Amino acid sequence: MYRLFDCAQDIHTWQTMILTNPMEWQILYWVLLKKRTKLIQKDPDWMPVHFPEMKATWDEIIKHRTEGTLPAQKDKGILEL
């Protein structure tokens, strides 16, 4: 959920109006510094290539919904700097 750019309300007022308990939400503030408008040409091969993976993902979602289960948690790697 995000606050509209042209919203006249200050952030605190908006939060208390929209969110029932703002302390339960993780709020991430961000600012768009610049934008780029570029026409992206349609790739007719994209959907046939990626459809099997998207279908497998959706089938897994349906399976978990039907069985009332959650997917197994993947181990998060540790980033060492």
N, C-alpha and C. Protein backbone atom coordinates (compact mmCIF):
# COMPACT_ATOMS: atom_id res chain seq x y z
N MET A 1 0.85 -1.16 0.00
CA MET A 1 0.00 0.00 0.00
C MET A 1 0.90 1.23 0.00
N TYR A 2 0.53 2.23 -0.74
CA TYR A 2 1.34 3.43 -0.80
C TYR A 2 0.45 4.66 -0.81
N ARG A 3 1.04 5.75 -0.41
CA ARG A 3 0.33 7.03 -0.39
C ARG A 3 0.51 7.70 -1.74
N LEU A 4 -0.54 8.21 -2.29
CA LEU A 4 -0.46 8.87 -3.59
C LEU A 4 0.42 10.11 -3.51
N PHE A 5 1.10 10.38 -4.61
CA PHE A 5 2.04 11.49 -4.66
C PHE A 5 1.36 12.83 -4.37
N ASP A 6 0.16 13.01 -4.90
CA ASP A 6 -0.53 14.30 -4.74
C ASP A 6 -1.47 14.34 -3.54
N CYS A 7 -1.32 13.39 -2.62
CA CYS A 7 -2.15 13.36 -1.42
C CYS A 7 -1.81 14.58 -0.55
N ALA A 8 -2.84 15.30 -0.14
CA ALA A 8 -2.62 16.52 0.64
C ALA A 8 -2.36 16.25 2.12
N GLN A 9 -2.67 15.04 2.57
CA GLN A 9 -2.49 14.71 3.99
C GLN A 9 -1.01 14.47 4.30
N ASP A 10 -0.63 14.80 5.54
CA ASP A 10 0.72 14.46 5.95
C ASP A 10 0.76 12.95 6.20
N ILE A 11 1.96 12.38 6.27
CA ILE A 11 2.12 10.94 6.36
C ILE A 11 1.46 10.36 7.60
N HIS A 12 1.63 10.99 8.74
CA HIS A 12 1.05 10.46 9.98
C HIS A 12 -0.49 10.38 9.89
N THR A 13 -1.13 11.42 9.36
CA THR A 13 -2.58 11.42 9.22
C THR A 13 -3.03 10.32 8.27
N TRP A 14 -2.31 10.17 7.16
CA TRP A 14 -2.64 9.13 6.19
C TRP A 14 -2.51 7.75 6.82
N GLN A 15 -1.42 7.51 7.55
CA GLN A 15 -1.21 6.21 8.19
C GLN A 15 -2.35 5.86 9.15
N THR A 16 -2.71 6.80 9.99
CA THR A 16 -3.74 6.51 10.98
C THR A 16 -5.11 6.33 10.33
N MET A 17 -5.33 6.96 9.18
CA MET A 17 -6.61 6.82 8.49
C MET A 17 -6.67 5.47 7.75
N ILE A 18 -5.61 5.09 7.07
CA ILE A 18 -5.60 3.89 6.23
C ILE A 18 -5.30 2.62 7.02
N LEU A 19 -4.28 2.68 7.87
CA LEU A 19 -3.84 1.48 8.58
C LEU A 19 -4.52 1.43 9.94
N THR A 20 -5.10 0.30 10.28
CA THR A 20 -5.77 0.20 11.57
C THR A 20 -4.78 0.26 12.71
N ASN A 21 -3.63 -0.37 12.55
CA ASN A 21 -2.58 -0.31 13.57
C ASN A 21 -1.24 -0.15 12.86
N PRO A 22 -0.77 1.08 12.65
CA PRO A 22 0.46 1.30 11.90
C PRO A 22 1.69 0.61 12.51
N MET A 23 1.65 0.27 13.79
CA MET A 23 2.81 -0.36 14.40
C MET A 23 2.98 -1.80 13.92
N GLU A 24 1.97 -2.39 13.31
CA GLU A 24 2.06 -3.75 12.80
C GLU A 24 2.58 -3.80 11.37
N TRP A 25 2.74 -2.67 10.75
CA TRP A 25 3.17 -2.62 9.36
C TRP A 25 4.62 -2.21 9.27
N GLN A 26 5.32 -2.78 8.29
CA GLN A 26 6.67 -2.32 8.00
C GLN A 26 6.52 -1.21 6.97
N ILE A 27 6.99 -0.04 7.31
CA ILE A 27 6.83 1.11 6.44
C ILE A 27 8.18 1.45 5.83
N LEU A 28 8.20 1.54 4.52
CA LEU A 28 9.41 1.83 3.79
C LEU A 28 9.19 3.14 3.04
N TYR A 29 9.99 4.12 3.34
CA TYR A 29 9.90 5.41 2.66
C TYR A 29 10.89 5.41 1.51
N TRP A 30 10.47 5.93 0.38
CA TRP A 30 11.36 6.05 -0.77
C TRP A 30 10.98 7.27 -1.58
N VAL A 31 11.94 7.73 -2.36
CA VAL A 31 11.75 8.91 -3.20
C VAL A 31 12.26 8.58 -4.60
N LEU A 32 11.47 8.88 -5.60
CA LEU A 32 11.88 8.69 -6.98
C LEU A 32 12.66 9.93 -7.41
N LEU A 33 13.95 9.77 -7.66
CA LEU A 33 14.79 10.92 -7.98
C LEU A 33 14.77 11.28 -9.46
N LYS A 34 14.70 10.27 -10.30
CA LYS A 34 14.61 10.56 -11.73
C LYS A 34 13.87 9.42 -12.40
N LYS A 35 13.35 9.69 -13.57
CA LYS A 35 12.64 8.65 -14.31
C LYS A 35 13.14 8.65 -15.75
N ARG A 36 12.90 7.54 -16.41
CA ARG A 36 13.30 7.40 -17.79
C ARG A 36 12.13 6.80 -18.55
N THR A 37 11.79 7.42 -19.65
CA THR A 37 10.71 6.91 -20.49
C THR A 37 11.34 6.29 -21.72
N LYS A 38 11.13 4.99 -21.87
CA LYS A 38 11.71 4.28 -22.99
C LYS A 38 10.71 3.25 -23.48
N LEU A 39 10.51 3.19 -24.76
CA LEU A 39 9.60 2.23 -25.35
C LEU A 39 10.27 0.85 -25.36
N ILE A 40 9.61 -0.11 -24.76
CA ILE A 40 10.11 -1.48 -24.74
C ILE A 40 9.36 -2.27 -25.79
N GLN A 41 10.08 -2.81 -26.73
CA GLN A 41 9.46 -3.60 -27.79
C GLN A 41 8.99 -4.94 -27.25
N LYS A 42 7.86 -5.39 -27.75
CA LYS A 42 7.31 -6.68 -27.33
C LYS A 42 8.19 -7.81 -27.86
N ASP A 43 8.45 -8.77 -27.00
CA ASP A 43 9.22 -9.96 -27.39
C ASP A 43 8.24 -11.11 -27.55
N PRO A 44 7.92 -11.50 -28.77
CA PRO A 44 6.92 -12.56 -28.97
C PRO A 44 7.37 -13.92 -28.44
N ASP A 45 8.66 -14.10 -28.21
CA ASP A 45 9.17 -15.39 -27.71
C ASP A 45 9.16 -15.47 -26.19
N TRP A 46 8.92 -14.34 -25.50
CA TRP A 46 9.03 -14.33 -24.04
C TRP A 46 8.00 -15.24 -23.38
N MET A 47 6.75 -15.11 -23.76
CA MET A 47 5.69 -15.90 -23.11
C MET A 47 5.85 -17.40 -23.34
N PRO A 48 6.08 -17.86 -24.56
CA PRO A 48 6.27 -19.31 -24.73
C PRO A 48 7.46 -19.86 -23.94
N VAL A 49 8.51 -19.07 -23.79
CA VAL A 49 9.68 -19.53 -23.05
C VAL A 49 9.41 -19.59 -21.55
N HIS A 50 8.72 -18.59 -21.00
CA HIS A 50 8.53 -18.47 -19.56
C HIS A 50 7.21 -19.07 -19.04
N PHE A 51 6.30 -19.40 -19.93
CA PHE A 51 5.00 -19.91 -19.49
C PHE A 51 5.09 -21.18 -18.66
N PRO A 52 5.91 -22.18 -19.03
CA PRO A 52 5.97 -23.40 -18.21
C PRO A 52 6.38 -23.11 -16.76
N GLU A 53 7.32 -22.22 -16.56
CA GLU A 53 7.75 -21.88 -15.19
C GLU A 53 6.63 -21.15 -14.44
N MET A 54 5.94 -20.24 -15.11
CA MET A 54 4.84 -19.53 -14.47
C MET A 54 3.71 -20.50 -14.13
N LYS A 55 3.41 -21.44 -15.02
CA LYS A 55 2.35 -22.42 -14.76
C LYS A 55 2.73 -23.32 -13.59
N ALA A 56 3.99 -23.74 -13.52
CA ALA A 56 4.44 -24.59 -12.41
C ALA A 56 4.31 -23.84 -11.08
N THR A 57 4.65 -22.56 -11.09
CA THR A 57 4.52 -21.74 -9.88
C THR A 57 3.06 -21.64 -9.46
N TRP A 58 2.19 -21.37 -10.42
CA TRP A 58 0.77 -21.24 -10.10
C TRP A 58 0.18 -22.57 -9.61
N ASP A 59 0.61 -23.66 -10.25
CA ASP A 59 0.13 -24.99 -9.81
C ASP A 59 0.56 -25.26 -8.37
N GLU A 60 1.77 -24.83 -8.00
CA GLU A 60 2.22 -25.01 -6.63
C GLU A 60 1.38 -24.18 -5.66
N ILE A 61 1.04 -22.96 -6.07
CA ILE A 61 0.19 -22.10 -5.23
C ILE A 61 -1.17 -22.77 -5.01
N ILE A 62 -1.78 -23.27 -6.07
CA ILE A 62 -3.08 -23.94 -5.97
C ILE A 62 -2.97 -25.17 -5.07
N LYS A 63 -1.88 -25.93 -5.21
CA LYS A 63 -1.68 -27.12 -4.38
C LYS A 63 -1.64 -26.74 -2.90
N HIS A 64 -0.87 -25.70 -2.55
CA HIS A 64 -0.77 -25.29 -1.15
C HIS A 64 -2.09 -24.73 -0.63
N ARG A 65 -2.82 -24.02 -1.47
CA ARG A 65 -4.13 -23.51 -1.04
C ARG A 65 -5.09 -24.67 -0.76
N THR A 66 -5.09 -25.67 -1.64
CA THR A 66 -5.98 -26.81 -1.50
C THR A 66 -5.65 -27.62 -0.24
N GLU A 67 -4.35 -27.83 -0.02
CA GLU A 67 -3.92 -28.65 1.12
C GLU A 67 -3.81 -27.85 2.42
N GLY A 68 -3.89 -26.53 2.31
CA GLY A 68 -3.75 -25.69 3.50
C GLY A 68 -2.35 -25.68 4.06
N THR A 69 -1.35 -25.82 3.19
CA THR A 69 0.04 -25.85 3.62
C THR A 69 0.78 -24.62 3.12
N LEU A 70 2.00 -24.47 3.60
CA LEU A 70 2.88 -23.41 3.14
C LEU A 70 4.09 -24.03 2.47
N PRO A 71 4.70 -23.35 1.51
CA PRO A 71 5.90 -23.90 0.88
C PRO A 71 7.05 -23.95 1.88
N ALA A 72 7.98 -24.84 1.64
CA ALA A 72 9.15 -24.96 2.51
C ALA A 72 9.98 -23.68 2.43
N GLN A 73 10.49 -23.26 3.58
CA GLN A 73 11.32 -22.06 3.63
C GLN A 73 12.68 -22.36 3.04
N LYS A 74 13.16 -21.49 2.17
CA LYS A 74 14.50 -21.65 1.61
C LYS A 74 15.49 -21.01 2.57
N ASP A 75 16.65 -21.61 2.67
CA ASP A 75 17.70 -21.04 3.51
C ASP A 75 18.18 -19.74 2.90
N LYS A 76 18.26 -18.71 3.74
CA LYS A 76 18.78 -17.44 3.29
C LYS A 76 20.28 -17.45 3.45
N GLY A 77 20.97 -17.15 2.41
CA GLY A 77 22.42 -17.11 2.47
C GLY A 77 22.91 -15.95 3.32
N ILE A 78 24.09 -16.07 3.83
CA ILE A 78 24.69 -15.01 4.65
C ILE A 78 25.63 -14.23 3.76
N LEU A 79 25.42 -12.95 3.69
CA LEU A 79 26.26 -12.08 2.89
C LEU A 79 27.44 -11.63 3.73
N GLU A 80 28.62 -11.97 3.30
CA GLU A 80 29.83 -11.55 4.00
C GLU A 80 30.50 -10.47 3.21
N LEU A 81 30.75 -9.35 3.85
CA LEU A 81 31.40 -8.22 3.18
C LEU A 81 32.85 -8.14 3.56
